Structures are given as structure tokens and as C-alpha cells.
Amino acid sequence: MSRSEDTSPEDTGPVGERRRELPAVPPARPRPQTDVGPAYHPTTEIDLSQGFPPVSHETTEIDLSGGWPQHLKVPPRPSAPQGPSGRVLGVDVGTVRVGLALSDPTGTLASPLETLRRAKNHSDLDRLAALVVEHEVSEVVVGEPVHLSGASGASAADASNYAQELADRIPDVPVILIDERLSTVTAASHLREGGIDSRKQRAVIDQAAAVVILQQFLDSRRARS
């Protein structure tokens, strides 16, 4: 018998072996029809020729006689800023002149403002009180010139009395006494570095001393906060 006679269409695999029975293949599942056309979303026409239609704002009454409902959440209140806000005025009290310095609204930087000449009729105090109102000052810082040892002398007593008289004129604004040791020396040194002879411009050094007093106060307050 020839090789062609040993094979048949039913044979698979190596020549001469019979085809193994295979499990029946399940029929294919019918595919869902996808050609359903575009979706239709009905719309309503609004006639705006007479203007925009009125909008109704409905409210619901809530009975709070039994306390606040637990399902209603109330957002927390924002915390209030620490310390007073607004400008701070620095005062350097001298026997002849009073130097003034003013901070920016954030209480960060001190700048020279004005020099007042002390008067027997206390017109300098009146001018100072007017500046507090004009610049919306929230605090006044007065330098107290104590000695290096920490003891108080005549200058410190004079500054304290001046601060009290000012406080009587501006009862709603706090007046604070702070140690101003070496403020004038520091101010004169800064002026010399800037090429200014403080001995010929006494009004300038009074304002510069007030800047030193005020800036030290601002820096110390910021460090505490």
C-alpha cells in the first residue's frame, strides 16, 4: 500500500494516527446591537426678548428652639491676629526737642517722621496727639533714657512724665515706655556712616534716635510672636 493510501482527511498529527475527539465548541454569543443612533436630549426654549426671567430664591425655616441641628456644620471662625494692628509711633524725648518715627502699617519698618520743639504751653504734646489721629496710630512707644547700670535719672523721669501727659490726651491709644539705652549713640553712628554730621543737624539725630527706639521695639515684638 502506498503512503497516500495510509492517510485520509480525518487523520491529524503524525502520519497514520487517528484524530482525537475534541470537545464541542459552544456557539458564539450574539453581539449586542450598537447601531442605535444618537441619543436625544430634549431642550426647552426660553424667550429672552422681554428680559431675563425672574429667579426664585426659596428658603427653609429651621427650628432652633431645641438647639443647633447636628447635621448642620458651622465653619470655624478665623483666629484673630495677635497683637494690635496698625502703625506704631516712636518718640525720643529730649529737653529741647522731641524726635518722632513712624512704622509702616504692618509694623515692620520704622521711618523718621518729624521733630517737635518742646514748648511751655505743651503745644508739642497737642501736635503729637494730632499726629496719632492723623496716621491712625495704634500704639505709641516712648524711649526711657536709663543709665547703663539700669538706674533711672532725671532724663528718665522727664520722659516718663511726658509719656503720661501724652497718654492723658490719647486715652484710647496705649503709650508704652521702653528702655532706650544708647539709642542716641546708635543713631549718631548710623548718621556718620551715611556721611551726615549729627552735630550740625540736631533735628535729624532726634528723628534717627526715635527710629532706633521704634525699630528695636518692632523687632522684639516680632521675635516674641
Protein backbone atom coordinates (compact mmCIF):
# COMPACT_ATOMS: atom_id res chain seq x y z
CA MET A 1 0.00 0.00 0.00
CA SER A 2 1.32 3.38 -0.93
CA ARG A 3 1.78 6.23 1.61
CA SER A 4 -1.14 8.13 0.11
CA GLU A 5 -3.41 5.18 0.81
CA ASP A 6 -2.42 5.13 4.55
CA THR A 7 -3.80 8.65 5.15
CA SER A 8 -7.26 10.11 5.00
CA PRO A 9 -8.79 13.53 5.50
CA GLU A 10 -9.76 12.51 9.02
CA ASP A 11 -6.14 11.92 10.07
CA THR A 12 -4.25 14.61 12.01
CA GLY A 13 -0.82 14.83 13.51
CA PRO A 14 1.79 12.36 12.52
CA VAL A 15 1.01 10.22 9.54
CA GLY A 16 -1.00 7.12 10.35
CA GLU A 17 -2.56 8.36 13.72
CA ARG A 18 -6.29 8.85 14.08
CA ARG A 19 -7.77 12.24 15.01
CA ARG A 20 -8.53 12.67 18.73
CA GLU A 21 -12.00 13.59 19.76
CA LEU A 22 -12.15 17.33 20.74
CA PRO A 23 -14.86 18.90 22.87
CA ALA A 24 -17.58 20.66 21.04
CA VAL A 25 -17.15 24.40 20.59
CA PRO A 26 -20.03 26.35 22.16
CA PRO A 27 -21.93 28.60 19.81
CA ALA A 28 -20.86 32.23 19.69
CA ARG A 29 -22.90 34.65 21.79
CA PRO A 30 -24.91 37.16 19.83
CA ARG A 31 -23.31 40.59 19.78
CA PRO A 32 -25.33 43.49 21.15
CA GLN A 33 -26.54 45.91 18.57
CA THR A 34 -24.54 49.13 18.75
CA ASP A 35 -26.15 50.98 15.90
CA VAL A 36 -28.86 52.61 17.98
CA GLY A 37 -28.41 56.13 16.64
CA PRO A 38 -27.56 59.36 18.53
CA ALA A 39 -29.02 59.97 21.99
CA TYR A 40 -31.82 62.52 22.14
CA HIS A 41 -31.77 65.14 24.92
CA PRO A 42 -34.87 67.31 24.84
CA THR A 43 -34.39 71.04 25.48
CA THR A 44 -36.75 73.83 26.35
CA GLU A 45 -36.68 77.14 24.57
CA ILE A 46 -36.72 80.28 26.75
CA ASP A 47 -37.88 83.56 25.30
CA LEU A 48 -35.45 86.28 26.45
CA SER A 49 -36.87 89.02 24.25
CA GLN A 50 -38.58 90.53 27.31
CA GLY A 51 -35.56 90.21 29.55
CA PHE A 52 -34.20 87.53 31.85
CA PRO A 53 -36.93 85.64 33.71
CA PRO A 54 -37.13 86.19 37.50
CA VAL A 55 -35.17 83.80 39.69
CA SER A 56 -36.82 82.35 42.76
CA HIS A 57 -34.72 82.05 45.92
CA GLU A 58 -36.52 79.69 48.23
CA THR A 59 -35.56 79.43 51.90
CA THR A 60 -36.34 76.84 54.50
CA GLU A 61 -37.11 77.64 58.11
CA ILE A 62 -35.11 75.72 60.73
CA ASP A 63 -36.39 75.31 64.26
CA LEU A 64 -33.51 76.09 66.64
CA SER A 65 -35.58 76.01 69.82
CA GLY A 66 -34.11 72.61 70.66
CA GLY A 67 -30.51 73.61 69.90
CA TRP A 68 -28.38 73.59 66.76
CA PRO A 69 -29.06 70.56 64.49
CA GLN A 70 -26.16 68.10 64.48
CA HIS A 71 -26.30 67.61 60.72
CA LEU A 72 -25.57 71.29 60.07
CA LYS A 73 -21.84 72.09 60.16
CA VAL A 74 -20.66 75.56 61.08
CA PRO A 75 -17.22 76.57 59.76
CA PRO A 76 -14.77 77.70 62.47
CA ARG A 77 -14.20 81.39 62.89
CA PRO A 78 -10.84 82.69 61.67
CA SER A 79 -8.44 83.34 64.50
CA ALA A 80 -7.86 86.99 65.33
CA PRO A 81 -4.38 88.38 64.60
CA GLN A 82 -2.04 88.52 67.55
CA GLY A 83 -1.32 91.97 68.96
CA PRO A 84 -2.69 95.32 67.85
CA SER A 85 -2.71 96.14 64.18
CA GLY A 86 -1.83 99.50 62.65
CA ARG A 87 1.03 101.92 62.71
CA VAL A 88 3.27 102.42 65.75
CA LEU A 89 4.72 105.80 66.69
CA GLY A 90 8.16 106.07 68.28
CA VAL A 91 9.07 109.05 70.49
CA ASP A 92 12.52 110.19 71.60
CA VAL A 93 12.03 112.76 74.38
CA GLY A 94 14.72 115.39 74.81
CA THR A 95 14.91 118.51 76.94
CA VAL A 96 14.69 120.77 73.88
CA ARG A 97 13.31 118.62 71.03
CA VAL A 98 11.17 115.51 70.59
CA GLY A 99 12.05 113.18 67.72
CA LEU A 100 9.31 111.11 66.10
CA ALA A 101 9.37 107.98 63.97
CA LEU A 102 6.51 106.05 62.36
CA SER A 103 6.19 102.42 61.33
CA ASP A 104 4.58 101.05 58.18
CA PRO A 105 1.05 99.58 58.50
CA THR A 106 2.44 96.06 59.01
CA GLY A 107 4.60 97.14 61.96
CA THR A 108 7.83 96.01 60.30
CA LEU A 109 9.91 99.06 59.36
CA ALA A 110 10.45 102.36 61.22
CA SER A 111 10.99 105.62 59.34
CA PRO A 112 11.71 109.21 60.53
CA LEU A 113 8.61 111.37 60.75
CA GLU A 114 9.08 114.78 62.40
CA THR A 115 10.91 116.77 65.08
CA LEU A 116 8.94 118.83 67.58
CA ARG A 117 10.28 121.64 69.74
CA ARG A 118 9.16 121.41 73.32
CA ALA A 119 7.03 124.34 74.46
CA LYS A 120 5.90 125.59 77.86
CA ASN A 121 2.30 125.69 76.68
CA HIS A 122 2.55 121.99 75.70
CA SER A 123 1.76 122.72 72.07
CA ASP A 124 4.21 119.93 71.16
CA LEU A 125 2.00 117.44 73.01
CA ASP A 126 -1.05 118.76 71.18
CA ARG A 127 0.76 118.31 67.87
CA LEU A 128 1.82 114.82 68.86
CA ALA A 129 -1.75 113.84 69.74
CA ALA A 130 -2.93 115.19 66.39
CA LEU A 131 -0.32 113.07 64.57
CA VAL A 132 -1.60 109.98 66.37
CA VAL A 133 -5.08 110.63 64.96
CA GLU A 134 -3.82 111.66 61.52
CA HIS A 135 -1.76 108.50 60.96
CA GLU A 136 -4.23 106.18 62.74
CA VAL A 137 -1.57 105.10 65.24
CA SER A 138 -2.44 102.02 67.32
CA GLU A 139 0.47 102.27 69.80
CA VAL A 140 2.97 104.89 70.98
CA VAL A 141 6.43 103.86 72.16
CA VAL A 142 8.34 106.39 74.28
CA GLY A 143 12.01 105.84 74.98
CA GLU A 144 13.09 105.94 78.62
CA PRO A 145 16.76 107.04 78.81
CA VAL A 146 18.00 104.98 81.76
CA HIS A 147 21.69 104.76 82.69
CA LEU A 148 23.88 101.89 81.54
CA SER A 149 23.63 100.46 85.05
CA GLY A 150 19.84 100.36 84.68
CA ALA A 151 19.20 103.17 87.16
CA SER A 152 16.76 105.94 86.32
CA GLY A 153 17.84 109.57 86.34
CA ALA A 154 16.34 112.97 85.65
CA SER A 155 16.05 112.26 81.92
CA ALA A 156 14.14 109.05 82.57
CA ALA A 157 11.76 110.86 84.94
CA ASP A 158 11.19 113.60 82.34
CA ALA A 159 10.40 111.00 79.64
CA SER A 160 8.00 109.19 81.98
CA ASN A 161 6.14 112.43 82.78
CA TYR A 162 5.98 113.29 79.08
CA ALA A 163 4.55 109.85 78.28
CA GLN A 164 1.90 110.27 80.97
CA GLU A 165 0.84 113.69 79.67
CA LEU A 166 0.57 112.23 76.17
CA ALA A 167 -1.46 109.26 77.45
CA ASP A 168 -3.92 111.69 79.04
CA ARG A 169 -4.51 113.23 75.59
CA ILE A 170 -4.97 109.92 73.75
CA PRO A 171 -6.78 107.65 76.24
CA ASP A 172 -7.77 105.12 73.55
CA VAL A 173 -4.18 104.53 72.37
CA PRO A 174 -1.71 102.72 74.65
CA VAL A 175 1.54 104.54 75.47
CA ILE A 176 4.47 102.25 76.31
CA LEU A 177 7.78 103.16 77.97
CA ILE A 178 10.78 101.13 76.80
CA ASP A 179 14.48 101.13 77.64
CA GLU A 180 16.35 103.30 75.15
CA ARG A 181 19.93 102.96 76.38
CA LEU A 182 22.45 104.02 73.70
CA SER A 183 19.72 104.92 71.18
CA THR A 184 21.22 108.36 70.56
CA VAL A 185 24.72 106.91 70.28
CA THR A 186 23.50 104.29 67.81
CA ALA A 187 21.65 106.92 65.78
CA ALA A 188 24.73 109.19 65.62
CA SER A 189 26.83 106.24 64.46
CA HIS A 190 24.36 105.45 61.67
CA LEU A 191 24.35 109.07 60.56
CA ARG A 192 28.15 109.20 60.43
CA GLU A 193 28.15 106.09 58.29
CA GLY A 194 25.77 107.91 55.94
CA GLY A 195 28.06 110.97 55.78
CA ILE A 196 25.84 113.21 57.95
CA ASP A 197 27.31 115.34 60.73
CA SER A 198 24.81 114.94 63.55
CA ARG A 199 26.31 117.85 65.49
CA LYS A 200 25.18 120.27 62.76
CA GLN A 201 21.72 118.70 62.31
CA ARG A 202 20.32 118.09 65.78
CA ALA A 203 16.77 117.69 64.47
CA VAL A 204 17.95 114.84 62.26
CA ILE A 205 19.56 112.93 65.10
CA ASP A 206 16.42 113.28 67.23
CA GLN A 207 14.39 111.61 64.50
CA ALA A 208 17.11 109.00 63.98
CA ALA A 209 17.06 108.19 67.71
CA ALA A 210 13.30 107.74 67.52
CA VAL A 211 13.80 105.36 64.58
CA VAL A 212 16.24 103.29 66.67
CA ILE A 213 13.79 103.16 69.59
CA LEU A 214 10.86 102.18 67.40
CA GLN A 215 12.77 99.63 65.31
CA GLN A 216 14.06 97.87 68.42
CA PHE A 217 10.50 97.65 69.72
CA LEU A 218 9.16 96.29 66.42
CA ASP A 219 11.91 93.69 66.14
CA SER A 220 11.45 92.48 69.72
CA ARG A 221 7.67 92.21 69.32
CA ARG A 222 8.04 90.26 66.08
CA ALA A 223 10.52 87.90 67.74
CA ARG A 224 8.10 87.25 70.62
CA SER A 225 5.25 86.46 68.24
